[in-house]
Amino acid sequence: MKKGGRKKKGARSNKLGKGKNDASEDEEVVESDSASEEPVDSDADSEEPVDSDGDSEEPVDSDGDSKEPADSDADSDADSDADSLSDKEQASRAEKQIQIYFTSNVANEKYQMEDTIYTIPASFKRIDLSRMVKKLLDIKENVSFEFLINKQILRSSIEEFLQLNNILSENVIQIEYILSMTKKESTQIDKISEWISKLIIIEDKLYCSTFEGSVLCYDLSSFAKIDERKVADTSIFAFNVCKNDKLIDGEVRYSESAVGLSNGTIRAFLNEETDQKVVTRSELYLGNHDDMVKSIAFNRSGSLLISAGADNKINLYDNSEIVQKLKEGKSENNTSKRKLKHVLTPKKCIHKDVGIITALTFFDSNNRFLCTGLEKSIKIYDADTADLFATLPYGKAIMCSDIVNENLFVTADEQSVIKLFDVRCLEEKAVISLNEHKYFFHDKVVTSLGGNKNGVHFLSSSHDGFTNIYDVRLNKLPVYTIQTEDKSKVLASTWFYRESHNSVINADENNLTVHSF
């Protein structure tokens, strides 16, 4: 690959691409990945061979200091003021050129540039474009960029990408650039003695459940543990937390938490929260499960709580009623009197086929939820009507799943194969289809899947000690991989958003750690 259009004396050209909208862009220089020989001016103090068009070479004196072969052709006078080129450079100059312009949604203003069309070699790859953008933006720090064409990440030359996706190279190509994901640091939050079963982050609080029946809470602004309570004598297999305006009472903020146990019991708690501590004010039992509860989910508004597990039932509870009952049982004294003795039953119950349900997740824009489990099928239900909205036979037990965006969700099966699925409405009928994205990067059971709020990234963690981060626009390798120091099992993982940065919180067998990007 050549180093974009070299300038001739008396002729102006952009080394990587000519800015069609601004003549001043002609002087921009960005290095490409592979270097070629530098042509030098005839008044230089060094000797360098130049092309003689295959005829004879005759050294001529230039300024009396150095000698340089001159062109013996009769038309050499026309190029007397230009740099002559080697055979390699002539071939490189003849390579295909394309026109592009850059766009970006990066929030930081220093990464924004004006709309300008550039002419660059079609052979440019990601590293060439990254260097070009850094030069255009005058970026000195060590950052790199990813590039997208038609919302797909570029992992080849531009020319190969255009051919593969049947895009005409004669058109001006829009290229979006985003910051690459690179890890900045890892910080230990806590050493843990109990295995974590679930991680939930809401605002600046991290909530954890354990297989020993405990619930923990950390303040993520200081990474300090502010609560640790034993809430059950058996393992907690399902855990979730809800916060909304209905849980605010004057200046007092409450959270609602729910745990699902191996005996089919669900316990809901009303917790008063401050920066220093969490105090449980009341609790309530939720009934109608006969066996282990594996998943609990709240809808976006907090009006519904759903649960499922090993008893072939999906229970739908009116969460407004749960909150009201919890408030009625609120007590200033943290004694056994705060426990309400009666059990609240669900407003609806969906009876399903035999098979343990391992995950329930609500879509954000409606009251539909994803249901996956060991029954070897994928289902989407409408919580308002309790009707089945869409279904897809899968053929393997699904260990965990999560929603990436309104159209995509991801699953991990019993063979640790991760697959991305599409759900679209075609002629008013919902259709679930494989997105042709398969990921084979764990060799032990996958314990967590988590979609990022940006709708394009998701993570997976596993007992093999790895946490992988994927981009749905790229159907090959993870964009980043985190490995535990002692290769201990990763029990749970989740995303943590701090200002404009993404972080991942991992719970392995010994440590609770935040990885910042």
Protein backbone atom coordinates (compact mmCIF):
# COMPACT_ATOMS: atom_id res chain seq x y z
CA MET A 1 0.00 0.00 0.00
CA LYS A 2 1.25 3.42 -0.82
CA LYS A 3 1.42 6.35 1.56
CA GLY A 4 -1.52 8.20 0.00
CA GLY A 5 -0.96 10.63 -2.91
CA ARG A 6 2.55 12.08 -2.70
CA LYS A 7 2.83 15.72 -3.68
CA LYS A 8 4.64 16.85 -6.81
CA LYS A 9 6.36 20.21 -6.88
CA GLY A 10 3.99 22.78 -8.22
CA ALA A 11 1.00 20.46 -7.75
CA ARG A 12 -1.10 20.26 -4.55
CA SER A 13 -2.68 17.01 -3.39
CA ASN A 14 -3.81 15.51 -0.08
CA LYS A 15 -1.48 12.67 0.90
CA LEU A 16 -4.36 10.49 2.09
CA GLY A 17 -7.24 12.14 0.40
CA LYS A 18 -8.12 15.47 -1.04
CA GLY A 19 -10.69 17.53 0.83
CA LYS A 20 -13.12 18.46 -1.92
CA ASN A 21 -14.79 21.14 0.17
CA ASP A 22 -11.71 22.89 1.49
CA ALA A 23 -8.49 23.51 -0.34
CA SER A 24 -6.60 23.83 2.94
CA GLU A 25 -7.18 20.14 3.59
CA ASP A 26 -4.72 19.40 0.77
CA GLU A 27 -1.82 19.60 3.18
CA GLU A 28 -3.12 16.92 5.59
CA VAL A 29 -0.82 13.93 5.99
CA VAL A 30 -1.74 10.60 7.56
CA GLU A 31 0.49 7.55 7.49
CA SER A 32 -0.92 4.23 6.26
CA ASP A 33 0.06 0.86 7.68
CA SER A 34 2.65 -0.20 5.15
CA ALA A 35 5.34 2.25 4.18
CA SER A 36 6.80 2.81 0.72
CA GLU A 37 10.03 4.50 -0.35
CA GLU A 38 10.16 8.29 0.10
CA PRO A 39 10.68 10.21 -3.13
CA VAL A 40 13.09 13.05 -2.57
CA ASP A 41 13.58 16.37 -4.28
CA SER A 42 16.40 16.83 -6.77
CA ASP A 43 18.06 19.40 -4.53
CA ALA A 44 18.41 16.95 -1.62
CA ASP A 45 21.81 16.14 -0.15
CA SER A 46 21.41 12.37 -0.50
CA GLU A 47 21.40 9.94 -3.40
CA GLU A 48 18.25 7.97 -4.28
CA PRO A 49 17.49 6.14 -7.53
CA VAL A 50 14.47 7.23 -9.52
CA ASP A 51 12.76 5.61 -12.46
CA SER A 52 14.34 5.99 -15.91
CA ASP A 53 11.39 4.50 -17.83
CA GLY A 54 13.47 1.45 -18.65
CA ASP A 55 16.03 3.34 -20.77
CA SER A 56 19.53 4.43 -19.84
CA GLU A 57 20.44 6.26 -16.68
CA GLU A 58 22.81 9.23 -16.69
CA PRO A 59 23.99 10.83 -13.48
CA VAL A 60 23.58 14.59 -13.44
CA ASP A 61 24.93 17.07 -10.98
CA SER A 62 22.40 18.84 -8.76
CA ASP A 63 23.67 21.85 -6.78
CA GLY A 64 27.13 20.32 -6.99
CA ASP A 65 26.55 18.13 -3.93
CA SER A 66 24.72 14.98 -4.96
CA LYS A 67 24.10 13.06 -8.14
CA GLU A 68 20.73 11.65 -9.13
CA PRO A 69 19.84 9.70 -12.27
CA ALA A 70 17.82 11.80 -14.66
CA ASP A 71 15.18 10.73 -17.16
CA SER A 72 16.64 10.26 -20.63
CA ASP A 73 13.32 10.66 -22.46
CA ALA A 74 12.69 13.72 -24.56
CA ASP A 75 9.68 14.68 -22.50
CA SER A 76 11.67 14.81 -19.26
CA ASP A 77 11.51 18.62 -19.32
CA ALA A 78 7.76 18.43 -18.62
CA ASP A 79 8.45 16.69 -15.32
CA SER A 80 11.62 18.53 -14.38
CA ASP A 81 9.96 20.06 -11.31
CA ALA A 82 8.32 16.80 -10.14
CA ASP A 83 9.55 13.92 -8.03
CA SER A 84 10.29 10.86 -10.12
CA LEU A 85 8.87 7.55 -8.85
CA SER A 86 10.13 4.00 -8.49
CA ASP A 87 8.34 1.12 -10.20
CA LYS A 88 6.73 0.20 -6.88
CA GLU A 89 5.44 3.73 -6.37
CA GLN A 90 4.11 3.98 -9.92
CA ALA A 91 2.14 0.78 -9.40
CA SER A 92 0.90 2.04 -6.07
CA ARG A 93 -0.24 5.35 -7.56
CA ALA A 94 -2.31 3.44 -10.08
CA GLU A 95 -4.35 1.65 -7.38
CA LYS A 96 -8.07 2.26 -7.08
CA GLN A 97 -9.22 5.43 -5.32
CA ILE A 98 -12.57 6.02 -3.63
CA GLN A 99 -14.32 9.02 -2.12
CA ILE A 100 -15.43 8.98 1.52
CA TYR A 101 -16.70 11.27 4.25
CA PHE A 102 -16.68 10.71 8.00
CA THR A 103 -19.51 10.89 10.53
CA SER A 104 -19.53 10.20 14.26
CA ASN A 105 -21.90 10.15 17.23
CA VAL A 106 -19.10 10.30 19.79
CA ALA A 107 -20.24 12.74 22.48
CA ASN A 108 -16.85 14.36 23.09
CA GLU A 109 -16.53 17.43 20.85
CA LYS A 110 -12.82 16.90 20.31
CA TYR A 111 -13.69 13.81 18.26
CA GLN A 112 -16.01 15.70 15.88
CA MET A 113 -14.98 16.92 12.42
CA GLU A 114 -16.58 18.93 9.64
CA ASP A 115 -18.24 17.23 6.68
CA THR A 116 -15.56 16.96 4.02
CA ILE A 117 -15.15 14.50 1.17
CA TYR A 118 -11.75 12.80 0.90
CA THR A 119 -10.20 10.69 -1.84
CA ILE A 120 -8.28 7.74 -0.44
CA PRO A 121 -6.96 4.36 -1.67
CA ALA A 122 -9.62 1.64 -1.69
CA SER A 123 -7.06 -0.63 -0.02
CA PHE A 124 -7.26 1.33 3.22
CA LYS A 125 -8.00 -0.73 6.33
CA ARG A 126 -9.03 0.15 9.86
CA ILE A 127 -5.53 1.16 11.00
CA ASP A 128 -5.10 3.50 8.02
CA LEU A 129 -8.44 5.17 8.68
CA SER A 130 -7.66 5.44 12.38
CA ARG A 131 -4.39 7.20 11.68
CA MET A 132 -6.12 9.46 9.19
CA VAL A 133 -8.82 10.50 11.69
CA LYS A 134 -6.23 11.10 14.43
CA LYS A 135 -4.26 13.32 12.05
CA LEU A 136 -7.33 15.24 10.91
CA LEU A 137 -8.43 15.80 14.50
CA ASP A 138 -4.88 16.47 15.71
CA ILE A 139 -5.20 13.81 18.43
CA LYS A 140 -1.96 13.11 20.30
CA GLU A 141 -3.15 10.67 22.97
CA ASN A 142 -3.16 6.91 22.50
CA VAL A 143 -6.68 6.23 21.24
CA SER A 144 -7.91 4.10 18.37
CA PHE A 145 -11.12 3.99 16.40
CA GLU A 146 -13.45 1.43 14.89
CA PHE A 147 -15.11 2.19 11.54
CA LEU A 148 -18.56 1.27 10.31
CA ILE A 149 -20.01 1.18 6.82
CA ASN A 150 -23.77 0.54 6.67
CA LYS A 151 -23.69 -0.11 10.44
CA GLN A 152 -21.21 -2.97 10.02
CA ILE A 153 -17.71 -2.89 11.49
CA LEU A 154 -14.88 -2.77 8.98
CA ARG A 155 -12.49 -5.71 9.42
CA SER A 156 -10.98 -5.84 5.92
CA SER A 157 -9.90 -3.33 3.32
CA ILE A 158 -12.62 -0.92 2.19
CA GLU A 159 -12.49 -2.41 -1.29
CA GLU A 160 -13.06 -5.96 0.01
CA PHE A 161 -15.90 -4.75 2.22
CA LEU A 162 -17.65 -2.99 -0.65
CA GLN A 163 -17.35 -6.03 -2.89
CA LEU A 164 -18.62 -8.38 -0.19
CA ASN A 165 -21.65 -6.18 0.53
CA ASN A 166 -22.38 -5.23 -3.09
CA ILE A 167 -21.83 -1.51 -2.51
CA LEU A 168 -20.84 0.61 -5.52
CA SER A 169 -17.40 2.11 -5.04
CA GLU A 170 -18.34 4.93 -7.43
CA ASN A 171 -20.57 6.38 -4.73
CA VAL A 172 -19.27 8.60 -1.95
CA ILE A 173 -18.99 6.20 1.00
CA GLN A 174 -20.15 7.29 4.46
CA ILE A 175 -17.84 5.96 7.17
CA GLU A 176 -18.81 6.27 10.83
CA TYR A 177 -16.05 6.22 13.41
CA ILE A 178 -16.41 5.23 17.06
CA LEU A 179 -13.89 4.87 19.87
CA SER A 180 -12.46 1.38 20.22
CA MET A 181 -13.12 -0.44 23.47
CA THR A 182 -9.92 -0.54 25.53
CA LYS A 183 -9.62 -1.35 29.20
CA LYS A 184 -8.23 1.41 31.40
CA GLU A 185 -7.99 -0.29 34.78
CA SER A 186 -9.32 -3.01 37.06
CA THR A 187 -10.29 -2.28 40.67
CA GLN A 188 -11.14 -4.79 43.34
CA ILE A 189 -14.42 -3.94 45.07
CA ASP A 190 -14.33 -6.68 47.69
CA LYS A 191 -13.07 -10.13 48.58
CA ILE A 192 -16.04 -12.45 48.84
CA SER A 193 -16.48 -15.64 50.82
CA GLU A 194 -19.87 -16.63 49.37
CA TRP A 195 -20.55 -17.49 45.75
CA ILE A 196 -22.52 -14.76 43.99
CA SER A 197 -25.65 -15.90 42.14
CA LYS A 198 -26.82 -12.58 40.66
CA LEU A 199 -25.60 -8.99 40.19
CA ILE A 200 -28.01 -6.07 39.78
CA ILE A 201 -26.98 -2.42 39.29
CA ILE A 202 -29.45 0.45 39.67
CA GLU A 203 -28.11 3.99 39.68
CA ASP A 204 -25.03 4.00 41.97
CA LYS A 205 -25.86 0.83 43.92
CA LEU A 206 -24.68 -2.73 43.30
CA TYR A 207 -26.95 -5.46 44.69
CA CYS A 208 -25.74 -9.05 44.99
CA SER A 209 -27.41 -12.32 45.98
CA THR A 210 -25.50 -15.42 47.06
CA PHE A 211 -25.99 -19.16 47.00
CA GLU A 212 -25.69 -19.09 50.80
CA GLY A 213 -28.88 -17.04 51.17
CA SER A 214 -27.37 -13.57 51.69
CA VAL A 215 -28.00 -10.22 50.00
CA LEU A 216 -25.23 -7.59 49.74
CA CYS A 217 -25.27 -3.94 48.68
CA TYR A 218 -22.35 -1.70 47.63
CA ASP A 219 -22.15 2.03 47.04
CA LEU A 220 -20.39 2.28 43.68
CA SER A 221 -19.33 5.88 44.21
CA SER A 222 -16.92 4.64 46.89
CA PHE A 223 -17.04 0.85 46.38
CA ALA A 224 -17.98 0.52 50.04
CA LYS A 225 -20.18 -2.31 51.28
CA ILE A 226 -23.20 -0.74 52.99
CA ASP A 227 -25.33 -3.82 53.62
CA GLU A 228 -25.03 -7.57 54.13
CA ARG A 229 -28.03 -9.57 55.35
CA LYS A 230 -28.96 -13.20 55.61
CA VAL A 231 -32.47 -13.42 54.16
CA ALA A 232 -32.85 -17.17 53.66
CA ASP A 233 -31.49 -20.47 54.91
CA THR A 234 -31.41 -21.88 51.39
CA SER A 235 -29.74 -20.81 48.14
CA ILE A 236 -31.04 -17.76 46.31
CA PHE A 237 -31.56 -18.81 42.69
CA ALA A 238 -33.53 -15.74 41.55
CA PHE A 239 -33.01 -12.12 42.54
CA ASN A 240 -34.06 -8.71 41.29
CA VAL A 241 -34.43 -5.11 42.46
CA CYS A 242 -36.86 -2.34 41.47
CA LYS A 243 -36.67 1.42 42.01
CA ASN A 244 -39.19 3.98 40.78
CA ASP A 245 -41.05 7.11 41.85
CA LYS A 246 -43.74 5.08 43.60
CA LEU A 247 -41.08 3.99 46.09
CA ILE A 248 -40.22 7.55 47.11
CA ASP A 249 -41.96 8.73 50.30
CA GLY A 250 -41.13 12.39 50.90
CA GLU A 251 -37.36 12.55 51.25
CA VAL A 252 -37.05 8.84 51.98
CA ARG A 253 -36.04 6.60 49.09
CA TYR A 254 -36.97 2.95 49.09
CA SER A 255 -36.05 0.02 46.93
CA GLU A 256 -38.02 -3.15 46.40
CA SER A 257 -36.12 -6.43 46.21
CA ALA A 258 -37.33 -9.97 45.63
CA VAL A 259 -35.61 -13.33 46.08
CA GLY A 260 -36.64 -16.73 44.72
CA LEU A 261 -35.66 -19.83 46.70
CA SER A 262 -35.23 -23.53 46.01
CA ASN A 263 -38.48 -24.46 47.81
CA GLY A 264 -40.66 -22.24 45.60
CA THR A 265 -40.84 -19.33 48.06
CA ILE A 266 -40.61 -15.73 46.83
CA ARG A 267 -39.97 -13.03 49.41
CA ALA A 268 -40.37 -9.34 48.59
CA PHE A 269 -38.71 -6.64 50.72
CA LEU A 270 -39.21 -2.90 51.15
CA ASN A 271 -35.79 -1.38 51.89
CA GLU A 272 -35.01 2.15 53.05
CA GLU A 273 -31.77 3.32 51.48
CA THR A 274 -29.20 5.96 52.37
CA ASP A 275 -25.59 6.41 51.29
CA GLN A 276 -24.43 4.62 54.43
CA LYS A 277 -26.87 1.77 54.96
CA VAL A 278 -29.90 -0.22 53.81
CA VAL A 279 -32.65 -1.06 56.31
CA THR A 280 -35.47 -3.51 55.53
CA ARG A 281 -38.80 -2.02 56.69
CA SER A 282 -41.20 -4.79 55.68
CA GLU A 283 -41.48 -8.02 53.74
CA LEU A 284 -44.12 -10.08 52.00
CA TYR A 285 -44.46 -13.62 50.70
CA LEU A 286 -45.56 -14.24 47.10
CA GLY A 287 -47.27 -17.55 46.48
CA ASN A 288 -48.25 -20.08 43.80
CA HIS A 289 -44.89 -21.73 43.07
CA ASP A 290 -44.44 -25.39 43.94
CA ASP A 291 -40.77 -25.82 43.11
CA MET A 292 -37.51 -23.89 42.72
CA VAL A 293 -37.80 -20.31 41.45
CA LYS A 294 -35.12 -19.56 38.85
CA SER A 295 -36.00 -16.11 37.51
CA ILE A 296 -37.72 -12.90 38.68
CA ALA A 297 -38.21 -9.85 36.47
CA PHE A 298 -39.82 -6.41 36.74
CA ASN A 299 -41.19 -4.56 33.74
CA ARG A 300 -39.83 -1.12 32.92
CA SER A 301 -42.55 0.82 34.77
CA GLY A 302 -42.35 -1.41 37.82
CA SER A 303 -46.06 -2.26 37.61
CA LEU A 304 -45.50 -5.98 37.01
CA LEU A 305 -43.39 -8.67 38.65
CA ILE A 306 -43.10 -12.04 36.91
CA SER A 307 -41.48 -15.24 38.14
CA ALA A 308 -40.82 -18.76 36.87
CA GLY A 309 -38.76 -21.84 37.61
CA ALA A 310 -39.11 -25.60 37.79
CA ASP A 311 -42.89 -26.00 38.29
CA ASN A 312 -44.09 -25.27 34.72
CA LYS A 313 -45.64 -21.94 35.73
CA ILE A 314 -45.06 -18.30 34.91
CA ASN A 315 -46.70 -16.14 37.58
CA LEU A 316 -47.65 -12.53 36.86
CA TYR A 317 -48.06 -10.33 39.96
CA ASP A 318 -49.49 -6.84 40.21
CA ASN A 319 -46.44 -5.10 41.62
CA SER A 320 -48.41 -1.99 42.55
CA GLU A 321 -50.36 -4.19 44.96
CA ILE A 322 -47.11 -5.69 46.30
CA VAL A 323 -45.68 -2.21 46.98
CA GLN A 324 -48.91 -1.11 48.66
CA LYS A 325 -48.90 -4.17 50.94
CA LEU A 326 -45.23 -3.58 51.78
CA LYS A 327 -45.91 0.05 52.70
CA GLU A 328 -48.78 -1.03 54.93
CA GLY A 329 -46.46 -3.40 56.76
CA LYS A 330 -43.69 -0.81 57.16
CA SER A 331 -42.42 -0.54 60.71
CA GLU A 332 -39.86 1.71 62.36
CA ASN A 333 -38.53 -1.22 64.38
CA ASN A 334 -36.72 -3.95 62.52
CA THR A 335 -38.43 -6.84 64.37
CA SER A 336 -40.23 -10.00 63.43
CA LYS A 337 -43.52 -8.08 63.62
CA ARG A 338 -42.74 -6.46 60.29
CA LYS A 339 -43.31 -9.77 58.46
CA LEU A 340 -46.76 -10.01 56.90
CA LYS A 341 -48.15 -13.47 57.52
CA HIS A 342 -50.46 -13.69 54.53
CA VAL A 343 -49.33 -14.61 51.04
CA LEU A 344 -50.07 -12.56 47.93
CA THR A 345 -51.16 -14.58 44.90
CA PRO A 346 -50.56 -13.70 41.22
CA LYS A 347 -53.19 -11.99 39.11
CA LYS A 348 -52.43 -14.36 36.21
CA CYS A 349 -50.63 -17.66 35.75
CA ILE A 350 -49.31 -19.07 32.49
CA HIS A 351 -49.06 -22.87 32.42
CA LYS A 352 -46.39 -23.97 30.00
CA ASP A 353 -44.76 -27.14 28.74
CA VAL A 354 -42.58 -29.26 30.96
CA GLY A 355 -39.10 -27.84 31.49
CA ILE A 356 -37.26 -25.53 33.87
CA ILE A 357 -37.37 -21.84 32.92
CA THR A 358 -33.94 -20.29 33.40
CA ALA A 359 -34.50 -16.67 32.33
CA LEU A 360 -37.28 -14.11 32.00
CA THR A 361 -36.53 -10.65 30.55
CA PHE A 362 -38.83 -7.78 29.60
CA PHE A 363 -38.46 -5.79 26.41
CA ASP A 364 -38.26 -2.06 27.16
CA SER A 365 -40.91 -0.66 24.83
CA ASN A 366 -43.84 -2.95 25.70
CA ASN A 367 -45.04 -5.54 28.18
CA ARG A 368 -43.69 -8.48 26.19
CA PHE A 369 -41.07 -10.69 27.78
CA LEU A 370 -38.56 -13.27 26.61
CA CYS A 371 -38.75 -16.75 28.17
CA THR A 372 -35.99 -19.35 27.76
CA GLY A 373 -35.11 -22.55 29.58
CA LEU A 374 -34.34 -26.23 29.45
CA GLU A 375 -37.43 -27.11 27.39
CA LYS A 376 -35.45 -26.45 24.19
CA SER A 377 -37.57 -23.63 22.79
CA ILE A 378 -37.63 -19.84 22.81
CA LYS A 379 -40.87 -18.02 23.60
CA ILE A 380 -42.09 -14.45 23.82
CA TYR A 381 -45.24 -13.71 25.83
CA ASP A 382 -47.52 -10.70 26.08
CA ALA A 383 -47.80 -9.91 29.79
CA ASP A 384 -51.00 -7.88 29.31
CA THR A 385 -52.93 -10.78 27.84
CA ALA A 386 -50.79 -13.72 29.06
CA ASP A 387 -50.83 -14.95 25.45
CA LEU A 388 -47.94 -16.48 23.53
CA PHE A 389 -46.65 -13.84 21.10
CA ALA A 390 -43.94 -15.78 19.25
CA THR A 391 -42.10 -19.07 19.54
CA LEU A 392 -39.09 -20.84 17.99
CA PRO A 393 -37.97 -24.47 18.53
CA TYR A 394 -34.28 -24.51 19.46
CA GLY A 395 -33.26 -28.12 20.05
CA LYS A 396 -30.91 -27.48 22.97
CA ALA A 397 -31.37 -26.44 26.58
CA ILE A 398 -30.79 -22.70 27.06
CA MET A 399 -28.87 -21.82 30.22
CA CYS A 400 -29.24 -18.03 30.08
CA SER A 401 -30.44 -15.24 27.80
CA ASP A 402 -30.78 -11.47 27.66
CA ILE A 403 -32.16 -8.71 25.44
CA VAL A 404 -29.70 -6.53 23.48
CA ASN A 405 -32.22 -4.13 21.92
CA GLU A 406 -35.84 -4.10 20.77
CA ASN A 407 -35.08 -6.43 17.85
CA LEU A 408 -32.21 -8.57 19.11
CA PHE A 409 -31.70 -10.99 21.96
CA VAL A 410 -28.92 -13.41 22.79
CA THR A 411 -28.88 -16.93 24.23
CA ALA A 412 -26.27 -19.38 25.57
CA ASP A 413 -27.08 -23.08 25.35
CA GLU A 414 -25.93 -26.23 27.15
CA GLN A 415 -22.92 -26.53 24.81
CA SER A 416 -21.82 -22.95 25.63
CA VAL A 417 -22.68 -21.77 22.12
CA ILE A 418 -23.90 -18.17 22.09
CA LYS A 419 -26.36 -17.14 19.38
CA LEU A 420 -27.95 -13.85 18.41
CA PHE A 421 -31.62 -13.80 17.36
CA ASP A 422 -33.90 -11.34 15.60
CA VAL A 423 -37.55 -10.80 16.46
CA ARG A 424 -39.52 -8.84 13.89
CA CYS A 425 -43.18 -8.45 13.03
CA LEU A 426 -43.89 -9.61 9.50
CA GLU A 427 -47.47 -9.09 8.25
CA GLU A 428 -48.60 -8.55 11.84
CA LYS A 429 -47.08 -11.88 12.87
CA ALA A 430 -44.00 -12.05 15.05
CA VAL A 431 -41.13 -14.08 13.67
CA ILE A 432 -38.04 -15.16 15.60
CA SER A 433 -35.05 -15.99 13.44
CA LEU A 434 -31.37 -16.73 13.90
CA ASN A 435 -29.33 -13.65 13.06
CA GLU A 436 -26.55 -15.85 11.62
CA HIS A 437 -24.33 -14.72 14.48
CA LYS A 438 -22.79 -17.58 16.44
CA TYR A 439 -20.02 -17.25 19.00
CA PHE A 440 -17.90 -20.22 20.11
CA PHE A 441 -15.60 -18.69 22.71
CA HIS A 442 -16.36 -20.49 25.99
CA ASP A 443 -15.53 -24.10 26.77
CA LYS A 444 -17.45 -24.27 30.07
CA VAL A 445 -20.93 -23.31 31.15
CA VAL A 446 -21.94 -19.69 30.42
CA THR A 447 -23.14 -18.07 33.65
CA SER A 448 -24.12 -14.58 32.45
CA LEU A 449 -25.26 -12.74 29.36
CA GLY A 450 -25.84 -9.00 29.49
CA GLY A 451 -26.92 -6.54 26.81
CA ASN A 452 -25.43 -3.06 26.94
CA LYS A 453 -27.80 -0.08 26.94
CA ASN A 454 -26.18 1.14 23.70
CA GLY A 455 -27.95 -1.73 21.92
CA VAL A 456 -24.86 -3.00 20.10
CA HIS A 457 -22.63 -4.59 22.76
CA PHE A 458 -23.26 -7.56 25.01
CA LEU A 459 -21.12 -9.59 27.39
CA SER A 460 -20.81 -13.23 28.33
CA SER A 461 -19.05 -14.79 31.31
CA SER A 462 -18.26 -18.39 32.07
CA HIS A 463 -16.78 -20.90 34.48
CA ASP A 464 -13.78 -21.00 32.10
CA GLY A 465 -12.60 -17.74 33.73
CA PHE A 466 -13.29 -15.46 30.77
CA THR A 467 -15.66 -12.55 30.22
CA ASN A 468 -16.08 -11.63 26.56
CA ILE A 469 -17.52 -8.44 25.10
CA TYR A 470 -19.11 -8.65 21.65
CA ASP A 471 -20.39 -6.18 19.08
CA VAL A 472 -23.51 -7.31 17.19
CA ARG A 473 -22.19 -5.53 14.10
CA LEU A 474 -19.26 -7.94 13.99
CA ASN A 475 -19.82 -11.67 13.54
CA LYS A 476 -16.38 -12.95 14.40
CA LEU A 477 -14.26 -12.30 17.45
CA PRO A 478 -15.09 -10.59 20.74
CA VAL A 479 -14.00 -6.95 20.77
CA TYR A 480 -12.52 -7.46 24.24
CA THR A 481 -11.77 -10.37 26.58
CA ILE A 482 -11.19 -10.26 30.34
CA GLN A 483 -9.58 -13.18 32.17
CA THR A 484 -9.55 -13.70 35.92
CA GLU A 485 -6.05 -13.57 37.39
CA ASP A 486 -6.09 -17.10 38.79
CA LYS A 487 -8.43 -18.47 36.11
CA SER A 488 -11.15 -18.84 38.73
CA LYS A 489 -14.76 -19.31 37.61
CA VAL A 490 -16.75 -16.21 36.73
CA LEU A 491 -20.06 -16.62 38.54
CA ALA A 492 -21.86 -13.46 37.39
CA SER A 493 -21.23 -10.31 35.37
CA THR A 494 -23.07 -7.09 34.58
CA TRP A 495 -22.57 -3.69 32.96
CA PHE A 496 -21.93 -0.56 35.01
CA TYR A 497 -22.35 2.86 33.40
CA ARG A 498 -20.44 5.80 34.82
CA GLU A 499 -20.79 9.09 32.96
CA SER A 500 -19.68 8.37 29.38
CA HIS A 501 -17.68 5.25 30.28
CA ASN A 502 -18.69 1.60 30.29
CA SER A 503 -17.48 -0.75 32.98
CA VAL A 504 -17.97 -4.44 33.65
CA ILE A 505 -18.38 -5.84 37.14
CA ASN A 506 -17.35 -9.47 37.59
CA ALA A 507 -17.93 -11.79 40.51
CA ASP A 508 -15.58 -14.77 40.49
CA GLU A 509 -15.01 -17.37 43.19
CA ASN A 510 -12.95 -14.99 45.33
CA ASN A 511 -13.30 -11.39 44.18
CA LEU A 512 -15.75 -8.74 43.14
CA THR A 513 -13.98 -6.59 40.53
CA VAL A 514 -14.85 -3.62 38.31
CA HIS A 515 -13.12 -3.34 34.91
CA SER A 516 -13.25 0.18 33.47
CA PHE A 517 -13.09 0.94 29.75
